[in-house]
Amino acid sequence: AAPRSLAGRVDLLVRPKDSPWTVEDVPLLDEVAELLGED
């Protein structure tokens, strides 16, 4: 999924599924919620 500008850096994001949320995750959750939407 990585665009060219992020290629080579996205492995920094890899972590276990049960990792705690961070402040920097919150805008990403908001972005995903916007992309997913609801019925």
Full PDB file with SEQRES, HELIX, SHEET, SSBOND, CRYST1, ORIGX, SCALE, CONECT and MASTER records, all heavy atoms in Angstrom:
SEQRES   1 A   39  ALA ALA PRO ARG SER LEU ALA GLY ARG VAL ASP LEU LEU          
SEQRES   2 A   39  VAL ARG PRO LYS ASP SER PRO TRP THR VAL GLU ASP VAL          
SEQRES   3 A   39  PRO LEU LEU ASP GLU VAL ALA GLU LEU LEU GLY GLU ASP          
HELIX    1 AA1 ARG A    4  LEU A    6  5                                   3    
HELIX    2 AA2 VAL A   10  LEU A   13  5                                   4    
HELIX    3 AA3 ASP A   25  LEU A   36  1                                  12    
CRYST1    1.000    1.000    1.000  90.00  90.00  90.00 P 1           1          
ORIGX1      1.000000  0.000000  0.000000        0.00000                         
ORIGX2      0.000000  1.000000  0.000000        0.00000                         
ORIGX3      0.000000  0.000000  1.000000        0.00000                         
SCALE1      1.000000  0.000000  0.000000        0.00000                         
SCALE2      0.000000  1.000000  0.000000        0.00000                         
SCALE3      0.000000  0.000000  1.000000        0.00000                         
ATOM      1  N   ALA A   1       0.807  -1.224   0.000  1.00  0.00           N  
ATOM      2  CA  ALA A   1       0.000   0.000   0.000  1.00  0.00           C  
ATOM      3  C   ALA A   1       0.836   1.268   0.000  1.00  0.00           C  
ATOM      4  O   ALA A   1       0.321   2.357  -0.278  1.00  0.00           O  
ATOM      5  CB  ALA A   1      -0.916   0.010   1.224  1.00  0.00           C  
ATOM      6  N   ALA A   2       2.120   1.174   0.299  1.00  0.00           N  
ATOM      7  CA  ALA A   2       2.948   2.373   0.488  1.00  0.00           C  
ATOM      8  C   ALA A   2       3.133   3.138  -0.819  1.00  0.00           C  
ATOM      9  O   ALA A   2       3.521   2.561  -1.835  1.00  0.00           O  
ATOM     10  CB  ALA A   2       4.304   1.982   1.052  1.00  0.00           C  
ATOM     11  N   PRO A   3       2.869   4.449  -0.810  1.00  0.00           N  
ATOM     12  CA  PRO A   3       3.215   5.266  -1.970  1.00  0.00           C  
ATOM     13  C   PRO A   3       4.734   5.413  -2.068  1.00  0.00           C  
ATOM     14  O   PRO A   3       5.474   5.101  -1.118  1.00  0.00           O  
ATOM     15  CB  PRO A   3       2.549   6.604  -1.670  1.00  0.00           C  
ATOM     16  CG  PRO A   3       2.444   6.652  -0.192  1.00  0.00           C  
ATOM     17  CD  PRO A   3       2.250   5.233   0.262  1.00  0.00           C  
ATOM     18  N   ARG A   4       5.195   5.909  -3.188  1.00  0.00           N  
ATOM     19  CA  ARG A   4       6.638   5.968  -3.433  1.00  0.00           C  
ATOM     20  C   ARG A   4       7.366   6.776  -2.363  1.00  0.00           C  
ATOM     21  O   ARG A   4       8.473   6.419  -1.948  1.00  0.00           O  
ATOM     22  CB  ARG A   4       6.896   6.570  -4.815  1.00  0.00           C  
ATOM     23  CG  ARG A   4       8.364   6.618  -5.205  1.00  0.00           C  
ATOM     24  CD  ARG A   4       8.543   7.083  -6.641  1.00  0.00           C  
ATOM     25  NE  ARG A   4       7.856   6.167  -7.561  1.00  0.00           N  
ATOM     26  CZ  ARG A   4       7.777   6.388  -8.875  1.00  0.00           C  
ATOM     27  NH1 ARG A   4       8.309   7.472  -9.407  1.00  0.00           N  
ATOM     28  NH2 ARG A   4       7.152   5.512  -9.646  1.00  0.00           N  
ATOM     29  N   SER A   5       6.746   7.856  -1.879  1.00  0.00           N  
ATOM     30  CA  SER A   5       7.436   8.722  -0.913  1.00  0.00           C  
ATOM     31  C   SER A   5       7.675   8.026   0.428  1.00  0.00           C  
ATOM     32  O   SER A   5       8.527   8.458   1.216  1.00  0.00           O  
ATOM     33  CB  SER A   5       6.627  10.000  -0.679  1.00  0.00           C  
ATOM     34  OG  SER A   5       5.368   9.699  -0.092  1.00  0.00           O  
ATOM     35  N   LEU A   6       6.931   6.952   0.716  1.00  0.00           N  
ATOM     36  CA  LEU A   6       7.101   6.241   1.986  1.00  0.00           C  
ATOM     37  C   LEU A   6       7.818   4.905   1.818  1.00  0.00           C  
ATOM     38  O   LEU A   6       8.077   4.224   2.814  1.00  0.00           O  
ATOM     39  CB  LEU A   6       5.735   6.000   2.647  1.00  0.00           C  
ATOM     40  CG  LEU A   6       4.887   7.221   2.978  1.00  0.00           C  
ATOM     41  CD1 LEU A   6       3.626   6.817   3.710  1.00  0.00           C  
ATOM     42  CD2 LEU A   6       5.664   8.250   3.790  1.00  0.00           C  
ATOM     43  N   ALA A   7       8.098   4.547   0.583  1.00  0.00           N  
ATOM     44  CA  ALA A   7       8.736   3.249   0.340  1.00  0.00           C  
ATOM     45  C   ALA A   7      10.062   3.163   1.097  1.00  0.00           C  
ATOM     46  O   ALA A   7      10.835   4.121   1.155  1.00  0.00           O  
ATOM     47  CB  ALA A   7       8.966   3.052  -1.156  1.00  0.00           C  
ATOM     48  N   GLY A   8      10.311   2.031   1.703  1.00  0.00           N  
ATOM     49  CA  GLY A   8      11.553   1.834   2.451  1.00  0.00           C  
ATOM     50  C   GLY A   8      11.446   2.209   3.907  1.00  0.00           C  
ATOM     51  O   GLY A   8      12.341   1.885   4.695  1.00  0.00           O  
ATOM     52  N   ARG A   9      10.350   2.906   4.291  1.00  0.00           N  
ATOM     53  CA  ARG A   9      10.204   3.311   5.694  1.00  0.00           C  
ATOM     54  C   ARG A   9       9.055   2.605   6.401  1.00  0.00           C  
ATOM     55  O   ARG A   9       8.964   2.651   7.630  1.00  0.00           O  
ATOM     56  CB  ARG A   9       9.988   4.824   5.793  1.00  0.00           C  
ATOM     57  CG  ARG A   9      11.195   5.658   5.402  1.00  0.00           C  
ATOM     58  CD  ARG A   9      10.998   7.086   5.879  1.00  0.00           C  
ATOM     59  NE  ARG A   9      10.008   7.805   5.086  1.00  0.00           N  
ATOM     60  CZ  ARG A   9       9.300   8.845   5.527  1.00  0.00           C  
ATOM     61  NH1 ARG A   9       9.449   9.254   6.769  1.00  0.00           N  
ATOM     62  NH2 ARG A   9       8.439   9.456   4.727  1.00  0.00           N  
ATOM     63  N   VAL A  10       8.150   1.979   5.647  1.00  0.00           N  
ATOM     64  CA  VAL A  10       6.922   1.488   6.272  1.00  0.00           C  
ATOM     65  C   VAL A  10       7.163   0.344   7.247  1.00  0.00           C  
ATOM     66  O   VAL A  10       6.304   0.061   8.088  1.00  0.00           O  
ATOM     67  CB  VAL A  10       5.886   1.066   5.202  1.00  0.00           C  
ATOM     68  CG1 VAL A  10       5.364   2.278   4.460  1.00  0.00           C  
ATOM     69  CG2 VAL A  10       6.475   0.045   4.257  1.00  0.00           C  
ATOM     70  N   ASP A  11       8.301  -0.321   7.166  1.00  0.00           N  
ATOM     71  CA  ASP A  11       8.575  -1.384   8.143  1.00  0.00           C  
ATOM     72  C   ASP A  11       8.654  -0.839   9.570  1.00  0.00           C  
ATOM     73  O   ASP A  11       8.515  -1.602  10.539  1.00  0.00           O  
ATOM     74  CB  ASP A  11       9.870  -2.117   7.794  1.00  0.00           C  
ATOM     75  CG  ASP A  11       9.685  -3.092   6.634  1.00  0.00           C  
ATOM     76  OD1 ASP A  11       8.521  -3.265   6.194  1.00  0.00           O  
ATOM     77  OD2 ASP A  11      10.682  -3.665   6.153  1.00  0.00           O  
ATOM     78  N   LEU A  12       8.864   0.475   9.719  1.00  0.00           N  
ATOM     79  CA  LEU A  12       8.846   1.091  11.045  1.00  0.00           C  
ATOM     80  C   LEU A  12       7.475   0.961  11.711  1.00  0.00           C  
ATOM     81  O   LEU A  12       7.363   1.036  12.939  1.00  0.00           O  
ATOM     82  CB  LEU A  12       9.208   2.580  10.949  1.00  0.00           C  
ATOM     83  CG  LEU A  12      10.657   2.924  10.592  1.00  0.00           C  
ATOM     84  CD1 LEU A  12      10.779   4.412  10.294  1.00  0.00           C  
ATOM     85  CD2 LEU A  12      11.580   2.532  11.732  1.00  0.00           C  
ATOM     86  N   LEU A  13       6.421   0.784  10.900  1.00  0.00           N  
ATOM     87  CA  LEU A  13       5.062   0.719  11.422  1.00  0.00           C  
ATOM     88  C   LEU A  13       4.696  -0.666  11.953  1.00  0.00           C  
ATOM     89  O   LEU A  13       3.693  -0.813  12.656  1.00  0.00           O  
ATOM     90  CB  LEU A  13       4.053   1.116  10.335  1.00  0.00           C  
ATOM     91  CG  LEU A  13       4.214   2.515   9.725  1.00  0.00           C  
ATOM     92  CD1 LEU A  13       3.249   2.702   8.568  1.00  0.00           C  
ATOM     93  CD2 LEU A  13       3.985   3.588  10.785  1.00  0.00           C  
ATOM     94  N   VAL A  14       5.477  -1.668  11.592  1.00  0.00           N  
ATOM     95  CA  VAL A  14       5.122  -3.047  11.933  1.00  0.00           C  
ATOM     96  C   VAL A  14       5.191  -3.257  13.446  1.00  0.00           C  
ATOM     97  O   VAL A  14       6.166  -2.875  14.102  1.00  0.00           O  
ATOM     98  CB  VAL A  14       6.053  -4.043  11.216  1.00  0.00           C  
ATOM     99  CG1 VAL A  14       5.715  -5.476  11.623  1.00  0.00           C  
ATOM    100  CG2 VAL A  14       5.928  -3.881   9.704  1.00  0.00           C  
ATOM    101  N   ARG A  15       4.131  -3.872  13.991  1.00  0.00           N  
ATOM    102  CA  ARG A  15       4.079  -4.162  15.421  1.00  0.00           C  
ATOM    103  C   ARG A  15       3.039  -5.250  15.665  1.00  0.00           C  
ATOM    104  O   ARG A  15       2.181  -5.510  14.814  1.00  0.00           O  
ATOM    105  CB  ARG A  15       3.709  -2.899  16.208  1.00  0.00           C  
ATOM    106  CG  ARG A  15       2.286  -2.442  16.005  1.00  0.00           C  
ATOM    107  CD  ARG A  15       2.030  -1.114  16.671  1.00  0.00           C  
ATOM    108  NE  ARG A  15       0.599  -0.794  16.670  1.00  0.00           N  
ATOM    109  CZ  ARG A  15       0.109   0.408  16.914  1.00  0.00           C  
ATOM    110  NH1 ARG A  15       0.933   1.423  17.160  1.00  0.00           N  
ATOM    111  NH2 ARG A  15      -1.190   0.614  16.909  1.00  0.00           N  
ATOM    112  N   PRO A  16       3.042  -5.901  16.835  1.00  0.00           N  
ATOM    113  CA  PRO A  16       2.054  -6.938  17.146  1.00  0.00           C  
ATOM    114  C   PRO A  16       0.637  -6.365  17.208  1.00  0.00           C  
ATOM    115  O   PRO A  16       0.437  -5.180  17.497  1.00  0.00           O  
ATOM    116  CB  PRO A  16       2.499  -7.459  18.514  1.00  0.00           C  
ATOM    117  CG  PRO A  16       3.938  -7.091  18.614  1.00  0.00           C  
ATOM    118  CD  PRO A  16       4.085  -5.805  17.868  1.00  0.00           C  
ATOM    119  N   LYS A  17      -0.341  -7.222  16.963  1.00  0.00           N  
ATOM    120  CA  LYS A  17      -1.740  -6.778  16.949  1.00  0.00           C  
ATOM    121  C   LYS A  17      -2.203  -6.232  18.295  1.00  0.00           C  
ATOM    122  O   LYS A  17      -3.087  -5.374  18.340  1.00  0.00           O  
ATOM    123  CB  LYS A  17      -2.652  -7.943  16.541  1.00  0.00           C  
ATOM    124  CG  LYS A  17      -2.629  -8.282  15.070  1.00  0.00           C  
ATOM    125  CD  LYS A  17      -3.663  -9.370  14.780  1.00  0.00           C  
ATOM    126  CE  LYS A  17      -3.618  -9.780  13.318  1.00  0.00           C  
ATOM    127  NZ  LYS A  17      -4.596 -10.855  13.030  1.00  0.00           N  
ATOM    128  N   ASP A  18      -1.633  -6.726  19.371  1.00  0.00           N  
ATOM    129  CA  ASP A  18      -2.101  -6.305  20.695  1.00  0.00           C  
ATOM    130  C   ASP A  18      -1.330  -5.116  21.255  1.00  0.00           C  
ATOM    131  O   ASP A  18      -1.430  -4.809  22.447  1.00  0.00           O  
ATOM    132  CB  ASP A  18      -2.031  -7.476  21.677  1.00  0.00           C  
ATOM    133  CG  ASP A  18      -0.612  -8.031  21.821  1.00  0.00           C  
ATOM    134  OD1 ASP A  18       0.284  -7.596  21.076  1.00  0.00           O  
ATOM    135  OD2 ASP A  18      -0.414  -8.910  22.688  1.00  0.00           O  
ATOM    136  N   SER A  19      -0.567  -4.430  20.420  1.00  0.00           N  
ATOM    137  CA  SER A  19       0.189  -3.259  20.889  1.00  0.00           C  
ATOM    138  C   SER A  19      -0.767  -2.160  21.343  1.00  0.00           C  
ATOM    139  O   SER A  19      -1.833  -1.968  20.752  1.00  0.00           O  
ATOM    140  CB  SER A  19       1.086  -2.731  19.767  1.00  0.00           C  
ATOM    141  OG  SER A  19       2.040  -3.690  19.373  1.00  0.00           O  
ATOM    142  N   PRO A  20      -0.406  -1.401  22.381  1.00  0.00           N  
ATOM    143  CA  PRO A  20      -1.276  -0.308  22.831  1.00  0.00           C  
ATOM    144  C   PRO A  20      -1.315   0.825  21.804  1.00  0.00           C  
ATOM    145  O   PRO A  20      -0.353   1.032  21.059  1.00  0.00           O  
ATOM    146  CB  PRO A  20      -0.631   0.148  24.140  1.00  0.00           C  
ATOM    147  CG  PRO A  20       0.812  -0.255  24.007  1.00  0.00           C  
ATOM    148  CD  PRO A  20       0.814  -1.523  23.214  1.00  0.00           C  
ATOM    149  N   TRP A  21      -2.427   1.523  21.781  1.00  0.00           N  
ATOM    150  CA  TRP A  21      -2.540   2.673  20.885  1.00  0.00           C  
ATOM    151  C   TRP A  21      -1.641   3.800  21.371  1.00  0.00           C  
ATOM    152  O   TRP A  21      -1.416   3.966  22.573  1.00  0.00           O  
ATOM    153  CB  TRP A  21      -3.972   3.173  20.824  1.00  0.00           C  
ATOM    154  CG  TRP A  21      -4.957   2.204  20.251  1.00  0.00           C  
ATOM    155  CD1 TRP A  21      -6.005   1.614  20.890  1.00  0.00           C  
ATOM    156  CD2 TRP A  21      -4.985   1.712  18.902  1.00  0.00           C  
ATOM    157  NE1 TRP A  21      -6.678   0.788  20.031  1.00  0.00           N  
ATOM    158  CE2 TRP A  21      -6.081   0.819  18.806  1.00  0.00           C  
ATOM    159  CE3 TRP A  21      -4.193   1.920  17.775  1.00  0.00           C  
ATOM    160  CZ2 TRP A  21      -6.414   0.157  17.629  1.00  0.00           C  
ATOM    161  CZ3 TRP A  21      -4.511   1.265  16.601  1.00  0.00           C  
ATOM    162  CH2 TRP A  21      -5.607   0.400  16.526  1.00  0.00           C  
ATOM    163  N   THR A  22      -1.141   4.592  20.443  1.00  0.00           N  
ATOM    164  CA  THR A  22      -0.346   5.781  20.769  1.00  0.00           C  
ATOM    165  C   THR A  22      -1.088   7.025  20.290  1.00  0.00           C  
ATOM    166  O   THR A  22      -2.047   6.938  19.511  1.00  0.00           O  
ATOM    167  CB  THR A  22       1.025   5.728  20.086  1.00  0.00           C  
ATOM    168  OG1 THR A  22       0.839   5.829  18.658  1.00  0.00           O  
ATOM    169  CG2 THR A  22       1.757   4.444  20.418  1.00  0.00           C  
ATOM    170  N   VAL A  23      -0.638   8.179  20.762  1.00  0.00           N  
ATOM    171  CA  VAL A  23      -1.239   9.444  20.335  1.00  0.00           C  
ATOM    172  C   VAL A  23      -1.142   9.591  18.820  1.00  0.00           C  
ATOM    173  O   VAL A  23      -2.062  10.088  18.167  1.00  0.00           O  
ATOM    174  CB  VAL A  23      -0.540  10.621  21.043  1.00  0.00           C  
ATOM    175  CG1 VAL A  23      -1.026  11.955  20.477  1.00  0.00           C  
ATOM    176  CG2 VAL A  23      -0.785  10.560  22.547  1.00  0.00           C  
ATOM    177  N   GLU A  24      -0.043   9.126  18.242  1.00  0.00           N  
ATOM    178  CA  GLU A  24       0.141   9.256  16.792  1.00  0.00           C  
ATOM    179  C   GLU A  24      -0.760   8.311  16.007  1.00  0.00           C  
ATOM    180  O   GLU A  24      -0.989   8.525  14.806  1.00  0.00           O  
ATOM    181  CB  GLU A  24       1.605   8.996  16.429  1.00  0.00           C  
ATOM    182  CG  GLU A  24       2.560  10.091  16.877  1.00  0.00           C  
ATOM    183  CD  GLU A  24       2.849  10.100  18.363  1.00  0.00           C  
ATOM    184  OE1 GLU A  24       2.675   9.032  19.021  1.00  0.00           O  
ATOM    185  OE2 GLU A  24       3.239  11.159  18.903  1.00  0.00           O  
ATOM    186  N   ASP A  25      -1.303   7.270  16.662  1.00  0.00           N  
ATOM    187  CA  ASP A  25      -2.255   6.378  15.994  1.00  0.00           C  
ATOM    188  C   ASP A  25      -3.621   7.030  15.818  1.00  0.00           C  
ATOM    189  O   ASP A  25      -4.381   6.661  14.915  1.00  0.00           O  
ATOM    190  CB  ASP A  25      -2.457   5.090  16.808  1.00  0.00           C  
ATOM    191  CG  ASP A  25      -1.266   4.161  16.743  1.00  0.00           C  
ATOM    192  OD1 ASP A  25      -0.561   4.164  15.719  1.00  0.00           O  
ATOM    193  OD2 ASP A  25      -1.040   3.426  17.727  1.00  0.00           O  
ATOM    194  N   VAL A  26      -3.968   7.956  16.704  1.00  0.00           N  
ATOM    195  CA  VAL A  26      -5.339   8.475  16.735  1.00  0.00           C  
ATOM    196  C   VAL A  26      -5.750   9.124  15.414  1.00  0.00           C  
ATOM    197  O   VAL A  26      -6.829   8.833  14.888  1.00  0.00           O  
ATOM    198  CB  VAL A  26      -5.508   9.434  17.934  1.00  0.00           C  
ATOM    199  CG1 VAL A  26      -6.839  10.175  17.856  1.00  0.00           C  
ATOM    200  CG2 VAL A  26      -5.414   8.646  19.237  1.00  0.00           C  
ATOM    201  N   PRO A  27      -4.932  10.009  14.808  1.00  0.00           N  
ATOM    202  CA  PRO A  27      -5.333  10.552  13.502  1.00  0.00           C  
ATOM    203  C   PRO A  27      -5.459   9.470  12.427  1.00  0.00           C  
ATOM    204  O   PRO A  27      -6.288   9.608  11.511  1.00  0.00           O  
ATOM    205  CB  PRO A  27      -4.202  11.533  13.155  1.00  0.00           C  
ATOM    206  CG  PRO A  27      -3.560  11.867  14.450  1.00  0.00           C  
ATOM    207  CD  PRO A  27      -3.677  10.631  15.276  1.00  0.00           C  
ATOM    208  N   LEU A  28      -4.666   8.413  12.530  1.00  0.00           N  
ATOM    209  CA  LEU A  28      -4.762   7.331  11.554  1.00  0.00           C  
ATOM    210  C   LEU A  28      -6.068   6.564  11.733  1.00  0.00           C  
ATOM    211  O   LEU A  28      -6.719   6.187  10.747  1.00  0.00           O  
ATOM    212  CB  LEU A  28      -3.565   6.384  11.693  1.00  0.00           C  
ATOM    213  CG  LEU A  28      -2.176   7.028  11.614  1.00  0.00           C  
ATOM    214  CD1 LEU A  28      -1.098   5.957  11.609  1.00  0.00           C  
ATOM    215  CD2 LEU A  28      -2.050   7.916  10.387  1.00  0.00           C  
ATOM    216  N   LEU A  29      -6.488   6.339  12.975  1.00  0.00           N  
ATOM    217  CA  LEU A  29      -7.785   5.712  13.225  1.00  0.00           C  
ATOM    218  C   LEU A  29      -8.907   6.569  12.659  1.00  0.00           C  
ATOM    219  O   LEU A  29      -9.866   6.055  12.076  1.00  0.00           O  
ATOM    220  CB  LEU A  29      -7.986   5.515  14.729  1.00  0.00           C  
ATOM    221  CG  LEU A  29      -7.194   4.381  15.386  1.00  0.00           C  
ATOM    222  CD1 LEU A  29      -7.235   4.510  16.906  1.00  0.00           C  
ATOM    223  CD2 LEU A  29      -7.734   3.030  14.952  1.00  0.00           C  
ATOM    224  N   ASP A  30      -8.781   7.874  12.831  1.00  0.00           N  
ATOM    225  CA  ASP A  30      -9.797   8.779  12.301  1.00  0.00           C  
ATOM    226  C   ASP A  30      -9.833   8.717  10.776  1.00  0.00           C  
ATOM    227  O   ASP A  30     -10.910   8.734  10.165  1.00  0.00           O  
ATOM    228  CB  ASP A  30      -9.513  10.207  12.770  1.00  0.00           C  
ATOM    229  CG  ASP A  30     -10.730  11.103  12.637  1.00  0.00           C  
ATOM    230  OD1 ASP A  30     -11.655  10.945  13.446  1.00  0.00           O  
ATOM    231  OD2 ASP A  30     -10.756  11.933  11.703  1.00  0.00           O  
ATOM    232  N   GLU A  31      -8.664   8.655  10.158  1.00  0.00           N  
ATOM    233  CA  GLU A  31      -8.590   8.563   8.698  1.00  0.00           C  
ATOM    234  C   GLU A  31      -9.216   7.254   8.207  1.00  0.00           C  
ATOM    235  O   GLU A  31      -9.989   7.246   7.233  1.00  0.00           O  
ATOM    236  CB  GLU A  31      -7.139   8.644   8.240  1.00  0.00           C  
ATOM    237  CG  GLU A  31      -6.949   8.764   6.744  1.00  0.00           C  
ATOM    238  CD  GLU A  31      -7.267  10.145   6.207  1.00  0.00           C  
ATOM    239  OE1 GLU A  31      -7.191  11.110   6.991  1.00  0.00           O  
ATOM    240  OE2 GLU A  31      -7.583  10.253   5.010  1.00  0.00           O  
ATOM    241  N   VAL A  32      -8.901   6.157   8.877  1.00  0.00           N  
ATOM    242  CA  VAL A  32      -9.467   4.869   8.489  1.00  0.00           C  
ATOM    243  C   VAL A  32     -10.982   4.875   8.684  1.00  0.00           C  
ATOM    244  O   VAL A  32     -11.727   4.357   7.840  1.00  0.00           O  
ATOM    245  CB  VAL A  32      -8.816   3.727   9.298  1.00  0.00           C  
ATOM    246  CG1 VAL A  32      -9.534   2.411   9.044  1.00  0.00           C  
ATOM    247  CG2 VAL A  32      -7.344   3.600   8.944  1.00  0.00           C  
ATOM    248  N   ALA A  33     -11.455   5.467   9.776  1.00  0.00           N  
ATOM    249  CA  ALA A  33     -12.898   5.543   9.999  1.00  0.00           C  
ATOM    250  C   ALA A  33     -13.584   6.310   8.875  1.00  0.00           C  
ATOM    251  O   ALA A  33     -14.689   5.960   8.446  1.00  0.00           O  
ATOM    252  CB  ALA A  33     -13.181   6.219  11.343  1.00  0.00           C  
ATOM    253  N   GLU A  34     -12.923   7.346   8.384  1.00  0.00           N  
ATOM    254  CA  GLU A  34     -13.477   8.119   7.271  1.00  0.00           C  
ATOM    255  C   GLU A  34     -13.516   7.270   6.004  1.00  0.00           C  
ATOM    256  O   GLU A  34     -14.470   7.338   5.220  1.00  0.00           O  
ATOM    257  CB  GLU A  34     -12.631   9.369   7.049  1.00  0.00           C  
ATOM    258  CG  GLU A  34     -13.270  10.423   6.187  1.00  0.00           C  
ATOM    259  CD  GLU A  34     -14.365  11.201   6.906  1.00  0.00           C  
ATOM    260  OE1 GLU A  34     -14.571  10.988   8.125  1.00  0.00           O  
ATOM    261  OE2 GLU A  34     -15.027  12.022   6.239  1.00  0.00           O  
ATOM    262  N   LEU A  35     -12.493   6.466   5.790  1.00  0.00           N  
ATOM    263  CA  LEU A  35     -12.435   5.614   4.598  1.00  0.00           C  
ATOM    264  C   LEU A  35     -13.411   4.451   4.679  1.00  0.00           C  
ATOM    265  O   LEU A  35     -13.996   4.048   3.666  1.00  0.00           O  
ATOM    266  CB  LEU A  35     -11.016   5.063   4.425  1.00  0.00           C  
ATOM    267  CG  LEU A  35      -9.932   6.090   4.093  1.00  0.00           C  
ATOM    268  CD1 LEU A  35      -8.550   5.472   4.283  1.00  0.00           C  
ATOM    269  CD2 LEU A  35     -10.092   6.608   2.664  1.00  0.00           C  
ATOM    270  N   LEU A  36     -13.605   3.916   5.882  1.00  0.00           N  
ATOM    271  CA  LEU A  36     -14.517   2.782   6.041  1.00  0.00           C  
ATOM    272  C   LEU A  36     -15.972   3.227   6.079  1.00  0.00           C  
ATOM    273  O   LEU A  36     -16.830   2.626   5.437  1.00  0.00           O  
ATOM    274  CB  LEU A  36     -14.177   2.009   7.315  1.00  0.00           C  
ATOM    275  CG  LEU A  36     -12.818   1.314   7.361  1.00  0.00           C  
ATOM    276  CD1 LEU A  36     -12.622   0.644   8.712  1.00  0.00           C  
ATOM    277  CD2 LEU A  36     -12.671   0.300   6.238  1.00  0.00           C  
ATOM    278  N   GLY A  37     -16.250   4.264   6.860  1.00  0.00           N  
ATOM    279  CA  GLY A  37     -17.620   4.739   6.967  1.00  0.00           C  
ATOM    280  C   GLY A  37     -18.523   3.734   7.651  1.00  0.00           C  
ATOM    281  O   GLY A  37     -18.101   2.723   8.193  1.00  0.00           O  
ATOM    282  N   GLU A  38     -19.811   4.051   7.636  1.00  0.00           N  
ATOM    283  CA  GLU A  38     -20.824   3.187   8.220  1.00  0.00           C  
ATOM    284  C   GLU A  38     -22.000   3.093   7.263  1.00  0.00           C  
ATOM    285  O   GLU A  38     -22.083   3.846   6.285  1.00  0.00           O  
ATOM    286  CB  GLU A  38     -21.299   3.740   9.566  1.00  0.00           C  
ATOM    287  CG  GLU A  38     -20.192   3.815  10.608  1.00  0.00           C  
ATOM    288  CD  GLU A  38     -20.665   4.462  11.899  1.00  0.00           C  
ATOM    289  OE1 GLU A  38     -21.838   4.891  11.927  1.00  0.00           O  
ATOM    290  OE2 GLU A  38     -19.876   4.532  12.849  1.00  0.00           O  
ATOM    291  N   ASP A  39     -22.902   2.193   7.558  1.00  0.00           N  
ATOM    292  CA  ASP A  39     -24.111   2.080   6.754  1.00  0.00           C  
ATOM    293  C   ASP A  39     -24.933   3.348   6.962  1.00  0.00           C  
ATOM    294  O   ASP A  39     -25.342   3.667   8.083  1.00  0.00           O  
ATOM    295  CB  ASP A  39     -24.907   0.844   7.175  1.00  0.00           C  
ATOM    296  CG  ASP A  39     -26.083   0.568   6.245  1.00  0.00           C  
ATOM    297  OD1 ASP A  39     -26.383   1.431   5.397  1.00  0.00           O  
ATOM    298  OD2 ASP A  39     -26.684  -0.505   6.373  1.00  0.00           O  
TER     299      ASP A  39                                                      
MASTER        0    0    0    3    0    0    0    6  298    1    0    3          
END                                                                             
